[in-house]
Amino acid sequence: MKMIRTHIVMGALALAGILPLPAAAASAGQAVQPLDSIAAAASRRLQAEAEAAWGGDAEATIEITVGRLDGRLRLPACSLPLETELPPGAQALGAVAVGVRCPAPAWSLFVPARVAVKRPVVVLAVSRSRGDTLAESDLALEARDLAALAGGYITDPAELVGKSLRRTLQARAVLLPSHAAAPELVRRGERVTLQAAAGTISVQVEGEALADGALGDRVRVRNLATRRVVEGTVGGAGLVLMGTAGRGLPAGANGG
């Protein structure tokens, strides 16, 4: 099982938003619920959520930080096991608030906490400009907190090799899925080779691309001999395949 580090932060949490209803306050002489038990219940819930979401990722390191409740809180001792819940749709990543509830006598409060999940993600090893084609030497892996990567992230550098940057980025910048795209091998208005094949027969004619396209994209091309507009699959630099020639492009082909 993946090791999950848990910390109970010393110091009181802010009272706003976490106090139970005044009616739930323990009366004089009544047994009081230990505040550490409330923090522990919140921690166990976050541990379970983190294990379910990230336990299968051998590269991930999970750290849970739960704040210590204000010592002035005096809640009646719960006669049943404490119950916990997260807000509907909440993901146990980053800043979270765990609801802790006692069924009898009834009281509830929210315990602020933070879940940090760190794992290696792809970053730029050196600064690169918009339009640059990424090579393996341009990329590196660095551990980052996934809570700070709302735009997404990439874990395998191979997914980016050969793609071109859509914007200029500095060294150590985390590469998002939106930062790079497959290079365009066919550009609108340029002359391309239209290749059609049937069995062992292959025919090539000159055409004009009517759209930009990367490897595997479907593009429209005007046959310059017949002036007809046809559709094919980008098979390489300046090459559009038609019919069976455009099927079954090999995965990872670079069009070189």
C-alpha atoms as a PDB file:
ATOM      1  CA  MET A   1       0.000   0.000   0.000  1.00  0.00           C
ATOM      2  CA  LYS A   2       1.257   3.499  -0.805  1.00  0.00           C
ATOM      3  CA  MET A   3       2.624   5.420   2.146  1.00  0.00           C
ATOM      4  CA  ILE A   4       0.613   8.570   2.924  1.00  0.00           C
ATOM      5  CA  ARG A   5       2.191  11.217   5.121  1.00  0.00           C
ATOM      6  CA  THR A   6      -0.239  12.955   7.470  1.00  0.00           C
ATOM      7  CA  HIS A   7       0.421  16.036   9.560  1.00  0.00           C
ATOM      8  CA  ILE A   8      -1.647  17.680  12.264  1.00  0.00           C
ATOM      9  CA  VAL A   9      -0.722  21.363  12.153  1.00  0.00           C
ATOM     10  CA  MET A  10      -0.136  23.023  15.506  1.00  0.00           C
ATOM     11  CA  GLY A  11      -2.101  26.200  16.086  1.00  0.00           C
ATOM     12  CA  ALA A  12      -5.801  26.991  16.035  1.00  0.00           C
ATOM     13  CA  LEU A  13      -7.881  27.125  12.889  1.00  0.00           C
ATOM     14  CA  ALA A  14      -9.916  30.227  12.182  1.00  0.00           C
ATOM     15  CA  LEU A  15     -13.314  30.000  13.869  1.00  0.00           C
ATOM     16  CA  ALA A  16     -15.301  31.416  10.949  1.00  0.00           C
ATOM     17  CA  GLY A  17     -17.225  28.703   9.159  1.00  0.00           C
ATOM     18  CA  ILE A  18     -16.253  25.766  11.376  1.00  0.00           C
ATOM     19  CA  LEU A  19     -18.136  26.353  14.638  1.00  0.00           C
ATOM     20  CA  PRO A  20     -21.025  23.981  15.378  1.00  0.00           C
ATOM     21  CA  LEU A  21     -24.420  25.266  16.334  1.00  0.00           C
ATOM     22  CA  PRO A  22     -24.370  26.908  19.796  1.00  0.00           C
ATOM     23  CA  ALA A  23     -26.935  24.356  21.004  1.00  0.00           C
ATOM     24  CA  ALA A  24     -24.306  21.640  20.543  1.00  0.00           C
ATOM     25  CA  ALA A  25     -21.887  23.137  23.064  1.00  0.00           C
ATOM     26  CA  ALA A  26     -21.101  20.836  25.976  1.00  0.00           C
ATOM     27  CA  SER A  27     -22.643  21.884  29.252  1.00  0.00           C
ATOM     28  CA  ALA A  28     -20.723  22.092  32.529  1.00  0.00           C
ATOM     29  CA  GLY A  29     -19.742  18.646  33.732  1.00  0.00           C
ATOM     30  CA  GLN A  30     -20.677  16.960  30.442  1.00  0.00           C
ATOM     31  CA  ALA A  31     -18.096  14.785  28.712  1.00  0.00           C
ATOM     32  CA  VAL A  32     -16.315  16.598  25.878  1.00  0.00           C
ATOM     33  CA  GLN A  33     -15.337  15.140  22.496  1.00  0.00           C
ATOM     34  CA  PRO A  34     -11.512  15.148  22.137  1.00  0.00           C
ATOM     35  CA  LEU A  35     -10.609  17.529  19.317  1.00  0.00           C
ATOM     36  CA  ASP A  36      -7.796  15.239  18.208  1.00  0.00           C
ATOM     37  CA  SER A  37     -10.405  12.565  17.475  1.00  0.00           C
ATOM     38  CA  ILE A  38     -12.219  14.982  15.142  1.00  0.00           C
ATOM     39  CA  ALA A  39      -9.000  15.815  13.286  1.00  0.00           C
ATOM     40  CA  ALA A  40      -8.183  12.093  13.090  1.00  0.00           C
ATOM     41  CA  ALA A  41     -11.608  11.320  11.577  1.00  0.00           C
ATOM     42  CA  ALA A  42     -11.051  14.006   8.921  1.00  0.00           C
ATOM     43  CA  SER A  43      -7.574  12.632   8.223  1.00  0.00           C
ATOM     44  CA  ARG A  44      -8.842   9.056   7.809  1.00  0.00           C
ATOM     45  CA  ARG A  45     -11.463  10.212   5.306  1.00  0.00           C
ATOM     46  CA  LEU A  46      -8.860  12.085   3.258  1.00  0.00           C
ATOM     47  CA  GLN A  47      -6.481   9.126   3.400  1.00  0.00           C
ATOM     48  CA  ALA A  48      -9.198   6.856   2.016  1.00  0.00           C
ATOM     49  CA  GLU A  49     -10.047   9.333  -0.748  1.00  0.00           C
ATOM     50  CA  ALA A  50      -6.384   9.795  -1.660  1.00  0.00           C
ATOM     51  CA  GLU A  51      -5.720   6.068  -1.714  1.00  0.00           C
ATOM     52  CA  ALA A  52      -8.706   5.490  -3.988  1.00  0.00           C
ATOM     53  CA  ALA A  53      -7.642   8.241  -6.398  1.00  0.00           C
ATOM     54  CA  TRP A  54      -3.838   7.920  -6.381  1.00  0.00           C
ATOM     55  CA  GLY A  55      -2.968   4.619  -4.741  1.00  0.00           C
ATOM     56  CA  GLY A  56      -2.333   2.972  -8.087  1.00  0.00           C
ATOM     57  CA  ASP A  57       0.215   5.591  -9.166  1.00  0.00           C
ATOM     58  CA  ALA A  58       3.631   4.359  -8.012  1.00  0.00           C
ATOM     59  CA  GLU A  59       5.186   7.747  -8.832  1.00  0.00           C
ATOM     60  CA  ALA A  60       2.810   9.782  -6.652  1.00  0.00           C
ATOM     61  CA  THR A  61       3.631  10.971  -3.136  1.00  0.00           C
ATOM     62  CA  ILE A  62       0.610  11.918  -1.034  1.00  0.00           C
ATOM     63  CA  GLU A  63       0.791  14.306   1.897  1.00  0.00           C
ATOM     64  CA  ILE A  64      -2.232  15.231   4.014  1.00  0.00           C
ATOM     65  CA  THR A  65      -2.173  18.211   6.359  1.00  0.00           C
ATOM     66  CA  VAL A  66      -5.014  18.644   8.841  1.00  0.00           C
ATOM     67  CA  GLY A  67      -5.236  21.744  11.041  1.00  0.00           C
ATOM     68  CA  ARG A  68      -5.712  21.469  14.787  1.00  0.00           C
ATOM     69  CA  LEU A  69      -9.101  22.779  15.885  1.00  0.00           C
ATOM     70  CA  ASP A  70      -9.422  25.754  18.198  1.00  0.00           C
ATOM     71  CA  GLY A  71      -9.047  24.566  21.768  1.00  0.00           C
ATOM     72  CA  ARG A  72     -12.027  26.691  22.824  1.00  0.00           C
ATOM     73  CA  LEU A  73     -14.396  24.338  21.020  1.00  0.00           C
ATOM     74  CA  ARG A  74     -16.239  22.158  23.563  1.00  0.00           C
ATOM     75  CA  LEU A  75     -18.444  19.588  21.881  1.00  0.00           C
ATOM     76  CA  PRO A  76     -20.453  16.882  23.666  1.00  0.00           C
ATOM     77  CA  ALA A  77     -18.805  13.477  23.495  1.00  0.00           C
ATOM     78  CA  CYS A  78     -20.296  11.468  20.647  1.00  0.00           C
ATOM     79  CA  SER A  79     -22.019   8.240  21.629  1.00  0.00           C
ATOM     80  CA  LEU A  80     -21.630   6.816  18.122  1.00  0.00           C
ATOM     81  CA  PRO A  81     -18.705   6.704  15.664  1.00  0.00           C
ATOM     82  CA  LEU A  82     -18.026  10.047  13.997  1.00  0.00           C
ATOM     83  CA  GLU A  83     -19.215  10.364  10.390  1.00  0.00           C
ATOM     84  CA  THR A  84     -17.404  12.291   7.659  1.00  0.00           C
ATOM     85  CA  GLU A  85     -18.309  13.701   4.270  1.00  0.00           C
ATOM     86  CA  LEU A  86     -16.923  15.879   1.516  1.00  0.00           C
ATOM     87  CA  PRO A  87     -18.946  18.549  -0.304  1.00  0.00           C
ATOM     88  CA  PRO A  88     -20.731  17.117  -3.382  1.00  0.00           C
ATOM     89  CA  GLY A  89     -18.379  16.998  -6.357  1.00  0.00           C
ATOM     90  CA  ALA A  90     -15.345  17.979  -4.265  1.00  0.00           C
ATOM     91  CA  GLN A  91     -12.019  16.379  -5.185  1.00  0.00           C
ATOM     92  CA  ALA A  92      -9.634  15.548  -2.362  1.00  0.00           C
ATOM     93  CA  LEU A  93      -6.791  17.610  -3.809  1.00  0.00           C
ATOM     94  CA  GLY A  94      -5.484  20.950  -2.649  1.00  0.00           C
ATOM     95  CA  ALA A  95      -7.471  22.861  -0.031  1.00  0.00           C
ATOM     96  CA  VAL A  96     -10.448  20.840   1.178  1.00  0.00           C
ATOM     97  CA  ALA A  97     -12.989  21.002   3.991  1.00  0.00           C
ATOM     98  CA  VAL A  98     -14.068  17.725   5.557  1.00  0.00           C
ATOM     99  CA  GLY A  99     -17.453  17.633   7.238  1.00  0.00           C
ATOM    100  CA  VAL A 100     -17.353  15.775  10.568  1.00  0.00           C
ATOM    101  CA  ARG A 101     -20.701  14.901  12.128  1.00  0.00           C
ATOM    102  CA  CYS A 102     -21.848  13.300  15.366  1.00  0.00           C
ATOM    103  CA  PRO A 103     -25.202  11.483  15.071  1.00  0.00           C
ATOM    104  CA  ALA A 104     -25.965  11.636  18.820  1.00  0.00           C
ATOM    105  CA  PRO A 105     -25.931  14.118  20.350  1.00  0.00           C
ATOM    106  CA  ALA A 106     -26.219  15.905  17.007  1.00  0.00           C
ATOM    107  CA  TRP A 107     -23.457  18.326  16.055  1.00  0.00           C
ATOM    108  CA  SER A 108     -21.311  18.941  13.006  1.00  0.00           C
ATOM    109  CA  LEU A 109     -18.455  21.101  11.800  1.00  0.00           C
ATOM    110  CA  PHE A 110     -16.024  21.440   8.909  1.00  0.00           C
ATOM    111  CA  VAL A 111     -12.323  20.753   9.311  1.00  0.00           C
ATOM    112  CA  PRO A 112     -10.046  22.560   6.812  1.00  0.00           C
ATOM    113  CA  ALA A 113      -7.186  20.497   5.431  1.00  0.00           C
ATOM    114  CA  ARG A 114      -4.885  20.250   2.443  1.00  0.00           C
ATOM    115  CA  VAL A 115      -4.024  17.281   0.257  1.00  0.00           C
ATOM    116  CA  ALA A 116      -0.797  17.529  -1.736  1.00  0.00           C
ATOM    117  CA  VAL A 117      -0.135  14.950  -4.446  1.00  0.00           C
ATOM    118  CA  LYS A 118       3.342  15.246  -5.931  1.00  0.00           C
ATOM    119  CA  ARG A 119       4.521  13.258  -8.940  1.00  0.00           C
ATOM    120  CA  PRO A 120       6.972  13.752 -11.831  1.00  0.00           C
ATOM    121  CA  VAL A 121       5.492  15.702 -14.754  1.00  0.00           C
ATOM    122  CA  VAL A 122       7.003  16.892 -18.025  1.00  0.00           C
ATOM    123  CA  VAL A 123       8.699  20.312 -17.982  1.00  0.00           C
ATOM    124  CA  LEU A 124      10.900  22.163 -20.442  1.00  0.00           C
ATOM    125  CA  ALA A 125      14.589  21.560 -19.809  1.00  0.00           C
ATOM    126  CA  VAL A 126      15.458  24.736 -21.730  1.00  0.00           C
ATOM    127  CA  SER A 127      13.536  27.778 -22.937  1.00  0.00           C
ATOM    128  CA  ARG A 128      11.854  27.352 -26.300  1.00  0.00           C
ATOM    129  CA  SER A 129       9.950  29.681 -28.645  1.00  0.00           C
ATOM    130  CA  ARG A 130       6.581  29.385 -30.309  1.00  0.00           C
ATOM    131  CA  GLY A 131       6.757  27.109 -33.317  1.00  0.00           C
ATOM    132  CA  ASP A 132       9.845  25.209 -32.131  1.00  0.00           C
ATOM    133  CA  THR A 133       9.727  21.458 -32.616  1.00  0.00           C
ATOM    134  CA  LEU A 134      10.339  19.623 -29.367  1.00  0.00           C
ATOM    135  CA  ALA A 135      13.143  17.091 -29.113  1.00  0.00           C
ATOM    136  CA  GLU A 136      13.759  14.585 -26.323  1.00  0.00           C
ATOM    137  CA  SER A 137      16.631  16.748 -25.030  1.00  0.00           C
ATOM    138  CA  ASP A 138      14.216  19.685 -24.579  1.00  0.00           C
ATOM    139  CA  LEU A 139      12.171  17.792 -22.007  1.00  0.00           C
ATOM    140  CA  ALA A 140      12.643  16.678 -18.415  1.00  0.00           C
ATOM    141  CA  LEU A 141      10.638  15.276 -15.510  1.00  0.00           C
ATOM    142  CA  GLU A 142      10.195  17.201 -12.253  1.00  0.00           C
ATOM    143  CA  ALA A 143       8.024  16.480  -9.221  1.00  0.00           C
ATOM    144  CA  ARG A 144       5.210  19.011  -8.891  1.00  0.00           C
ATOM    145  CA  ASP A 145       2.103  19.389  -6.732  1.00  0.00           C
ATOM    146  CA  LEU A 146      -0.823  18.382  -8.939  1.00  0.00           C
ATOM    147  CA  ALA A 147      -3.138  20.728  -7.021  1.00  0.00           C
ATOM    148  CA  ALA A 148      -1.341  23.622  -8.726  1.00  0.00           C
ATOM    149  CA  LEU A 149      -1.786  22.141 -12.213  1.00  0.00           C
ATOM    150  CA  ALA A 150      -5.440  22.876 -12.894  1.00  0.00           C
ATOM    151  CA  GLY A 151      -4.744  23.056 -16.636  1.00  0.00           C
ATOM    152  CA  GLY A 152      -3.517  19.475 -16.720  1.00  0.00           C
ATOM    153  CA  TYR A 153      -0.109  17.857 -17.097  1.00  0.00           C
ATOM    154  CA  ILE A 154       1.793  15.214 -19.056  1.00  0.00           C
ATOM    155  CA  THR A 155       3.724  12.323 -17.527  1.00  0.00           C
ATOM    156  CA  ASP A 156       5.425  10.823 -20.596  1.00  0.00           C
ATOM    157  CA  PRO A 157       7.901  13.003 -22.567  1.00  0.00           C
ATOM    158  CA  ALA A 158       7.444  10.756 -25.612  1.00  0.00           C
ATOM    159  CA  GLU A 159       3.970  12.244 -26.084  1.00  0.00           C
ATOM    160  CA  LEU A 160       5.563  15.606 -26.936  1.00  0.00           C
ATOM    161  CA  VAL A 161       8.604  14.663 -29.007  1.00  0.00           C
ATOM    162  CA  GLY A 162       8.132  15.954 -32.555  1.00  0.00           C
ATOM    163  CA  LYS A 163       5.315  18.331 -31.640  1.00  0.00           C
ATOM    164  CA  SER A 164       5.595  22.100 -32.002  1.00  0.00           C
ATOM    165  CA  LEU A 165       5.042  24.670 -29.274  1.00  0.00           C
ATOM    166  CA  ARG A 166       2.000  26.903 -29.530  1.00  0.00           C
ATOM    167  CA  ARG A 167       3.583  29.558 -27.281  1.00  0.00           C
ATOM    168  CA  THR A 168       6.972  30.639 -25.995  1.00  0.00           C
ATOM    169  CA  LEU A 169       7.842  28.999 -22.655  1.00  0.00           C
ATOM    170  CA  GLN A 170      10.727  29.354 -20.233  1.00  0.00           C
ATOM    171  CA  ALA A 171      12.877  26.569 -18.839  1.00  0.00           C
ATOM    172  CA  ARG A 172      11.220  24.493 -16.071  1.00  0.00           C
ATOM    173  CA  ALA A 173       7.731  25.487 -17.208  1.00  0.00           C
ATOM    174  CA  VAL A 174       5.250  22.643 -16.839  1.00  0.00           C
ATOM    175  CA  LEU A 175       4.006  21.558 -20.247  1.00  0.00           C
ATOM    176  CA  LEU A 176       0.232  21.369 -20.500  1.00  0.00           C
ATOM    177  CA  PRO A 177      -1.600  19.330 -23.136  1.00  0.00           C
ATOM    178  CA  SER A 178      -2.626  22.610 -24.791  1.00  0.00           C
ATOM    179  CA  HIS A 179       0.955  23.882 -25.121  1.00  0.00           C
ATOM    180  CA  ALA A 180       1.993  21.695 -28.057  1.00  0.00           C
ATOM    181  CA  ALA A 181       0.458  20.282 -31.193  1.00  0.00           C
ATOM    182  CA  ALA A 182       1.465  17.903 -33.943  1.00  0.00           C
ATOM    183  CA  PRO A 183       3.351  19.823 -36.665  1.00  0.00           C
ATOM    184  CA  GLU A 184       1.357  20.762 -39.723  1.00  0.00           C
ATOM    185  CA  LEU A 185       2.672  18.761 -42.653  1.00  0.00           C
ATOM    186  CA  VAL A 186       0.207  20.207 -45.141  1.00  0.00           C
ATOM    187  CA  ARG A 187      -0.682  23.896 -45.366  1.00  0.00           C
ATOM    188  CA  ARG A 188      -3.610  25.575 -47.046  1.00  0.00           C
ATOM    189  CA  GLY A 189      -2.787  26.917 -50.498  1.00  0.00           C
ATOM    190  CA  GLU A 190       0.359  24.830 -50.919  1.00  0.00           C
ATOM    191  CA  ARG A 191       0.944  22.249 -53.643  1.00  0.00           C
ATOM    192  CA  VAL A 192       0.723  18.674 -52.370  1.00  0.00           C
ATOM    193  CA  THR A 193       0.988  15.197 -53.819  1.00  0.00           C
ATOM    194  CA  LEU A 194      -2.280  13.280 -54.000  1.00  0.00           C
ATOM    195  CA  GLN A 195      -1.653   9.556 -53.845  1.00  0.00           C
ATOM    196  CA  ALA A 196      -4.322   6.954 -54.544  1.00  0.00           C
ATOM    197  CA  ALA A 197      -3.771   3.213 -54.429  1.00  0.00           C
ATOM    198  CA  ALA A 198      -5.825   0.210 -55.434  1.00  0.00           C
ATOM    199  CA  GLY A 199      -4.177  -3.164 -54.958  1.00  0.00           C
ATOM    200  CA  THR A 200      -0.688  -2.985 -56.412  1.00  0.00           C
ATOM    201  CA  ILE A 201      -1.472   0.109 -58.493  1.00  0.00           C
ATOM    202  CA  SER A 202      -0.552   3.545 -57.110  1.00  0.00           C
ATOM    203  CA  VAL A 203      -1.277   6.871 -58.813  1.00  0.00           C
ATOM    204  CA  GLN A 204       0.116  10.271 -57.856  1.00  0.00           C
ATOM    205  CA  VAL A 205      -1.178  13.630 -59.044  1.00  0.00           C
ATOM    206  CA  GLU A 206      -0.586  17.230 -58.032  1.00  0.00           C
ATOM    207  CA  GLY A 207      -3.130  18.999 -55.865  1.00  0.00           C
ATOM    208  CA  GLU A 208      -3.716  22.154 -53.834  1.00  0.00           C
ATOM    209  CA  ALA A 209      -4.413  21.831 -50.126  1.00  0.00           C
ATOM    210  CA  LEU A 210      -7.579  23.618 -49.002  1.00  0.00           C
ATOM    211  CA  ALA A 211      -6.779  23.317 -45.276  1.00  0.00           C
ATOM    212  CA  ASP A 212      -3.892  22.849 -42.878  1.00  0.00           C
ATOM    213  CA  GLY A 213      -3.317  19.350 -41.538  1.00  0.00           C
ATOM    214  CA  ALA A 214      -1.076  17.321 -39.258  1.00  0.00           C
ATOM    215  CA  LEU A 215      -0.265  13.646 -39.665  1.00  0.00           C
ATOM    216  CA  GLY A 216      -3.478  11.621 -39.827  1.00  0.00           C
ATOM    217  CA  ASP A 217      -5.779  14.643 -40.267  1.00  0.00           C
ATOM    218  CA  ARG A 218      -8.485  14.582 -42.938  1.00  0.00           C
ATOM    219  CA  VAL A 219      -8.092  17.487 -45.378  1.00  0.00           C
ATOM    220  CA  ARG A 220      -9.744  18.626 -48.602  1.00  0.00           C
ATOM    221  CA  VAL A 221      -7.559  18.932 -51.684  1.00  0.00           C
ATOM    222  CA  ARG A 222      -8.255  20.268 -55.185  1.00  0.00           C
ATOM    223  CA  ASN A 223      -6.990  17.959 -57.915  1.00  0.00           C
ATOM    224  CA  LEU A 224      -5.190  20.383 -60.254  1.00  0.00           C
ATOM    225  CA  ALA A 225      -5.689  18.102 -63.244  1.00  0.00           C
ATOM    226  CA  THR A 226      -9.460  17.666 -62.935  1.00  0.00           C
ATOM    227  CA  ARG A 227     -10.256  20.676 -60.630  1.00  0.00           C
ATOM    228  CA  ARG A 228     -12.313  18.292 -58.502  1.00  0.00           C
ATOM    229  CA  VAL A 229     -12.207  18.689 -54.708  1.00  0.00           C
ATOM    230  CA  VAL A 230     -11.469  15.445 -52.894  1.00  0.00           C
ATOM    231  CA  GLU A 231     -10.725  14.466 -49.301  1.00  0.00           C
ATOM    232  CA  GLY A 232      -7.780  12.476 -48.043  1.00  0.00           C
ATOM    233  CA  THR A 233      -5.547  11.782 -45.065  1.00  0.00           C
ATOM    234  CA  VAL A 234      -2.274  13.586 -44.403  1.00  0.00           C
ATOM    235  CA  GLY A 235       0.422  10.899 -44.734  1.00  0.00           C
ATOM    236  CA  GLY A 236       3.577  13.019 -44.558  1.00  0.00           C
ATOM    237  CA  ALA A 237       5.063  16.360 -45.515  1.00  0.00           C
ATOM    238  CA  GLY A 238       3.148  17.546 -48.599  1.00  0.00           C
ATOM    239  CA  LEU A 239       1.500  14.148 -49.028  1.00  0.00           C
ATOM    240  CA  VAL A 240      -2.252  13.373 -48.944  1.00  0.00           C
ATOM    241  CA  LEU A 241      -3.394   9.772 -49.228  1.00  0.00           C
ATOM    242  CA  MET A 242      -6.711   8.789 -50.747  1.00  0.00           C
ATOM    243  CA  GLY A 243      -8.769   5.626 -50.523  1.00  0.00           C
ATOM    244  CA  THR A 244      -7.022   2.576 -49.066  1.00  0.00           C
ATOM    245  CA  ALA A 245      -3.710   4.464 -49.150  1.00  0.00           C
ATOM    246  CA  GLY A 246      -5.037   6.722 -46.417  1.00  0.00           C
ATOM    247  CA  ARG A 247      -6.056   3.921 -44.059  1.00  0.00           C
ATOM    248  CA  GLY A 248      -4.047   2.271 -41.340  1.00  0.00           C
ATOM    249  CA  LEU A 249      -1.458   5.011 -40.816  1.00  0.00           C
ATOM    250  CA  PRO A 250       1.098   3.624 -38.373  1.00  0.00           C
ATOM    251  CA  ALA A 251       0.911   5.021 -34.851  1.00  0.00           C
ATOM    252  CA  GLY A 252       3.825   7.344 -34.131  1.00  0.00           C
ATOM    253  CA  ALA A 253       4.645   7.921 -37.849  1.00  0.00           C
ATOM    254  CA  ASN A 254       6.417  11.242 -38.198  1.00  0.00           C
ATOM    255  CA  GLY A 255       5.773  11.956 -41.814  1.00  0.00           C
ATOM    256  CA  GLY A 256       9.507  12.489 -42.411  1.00  0.00           C
END
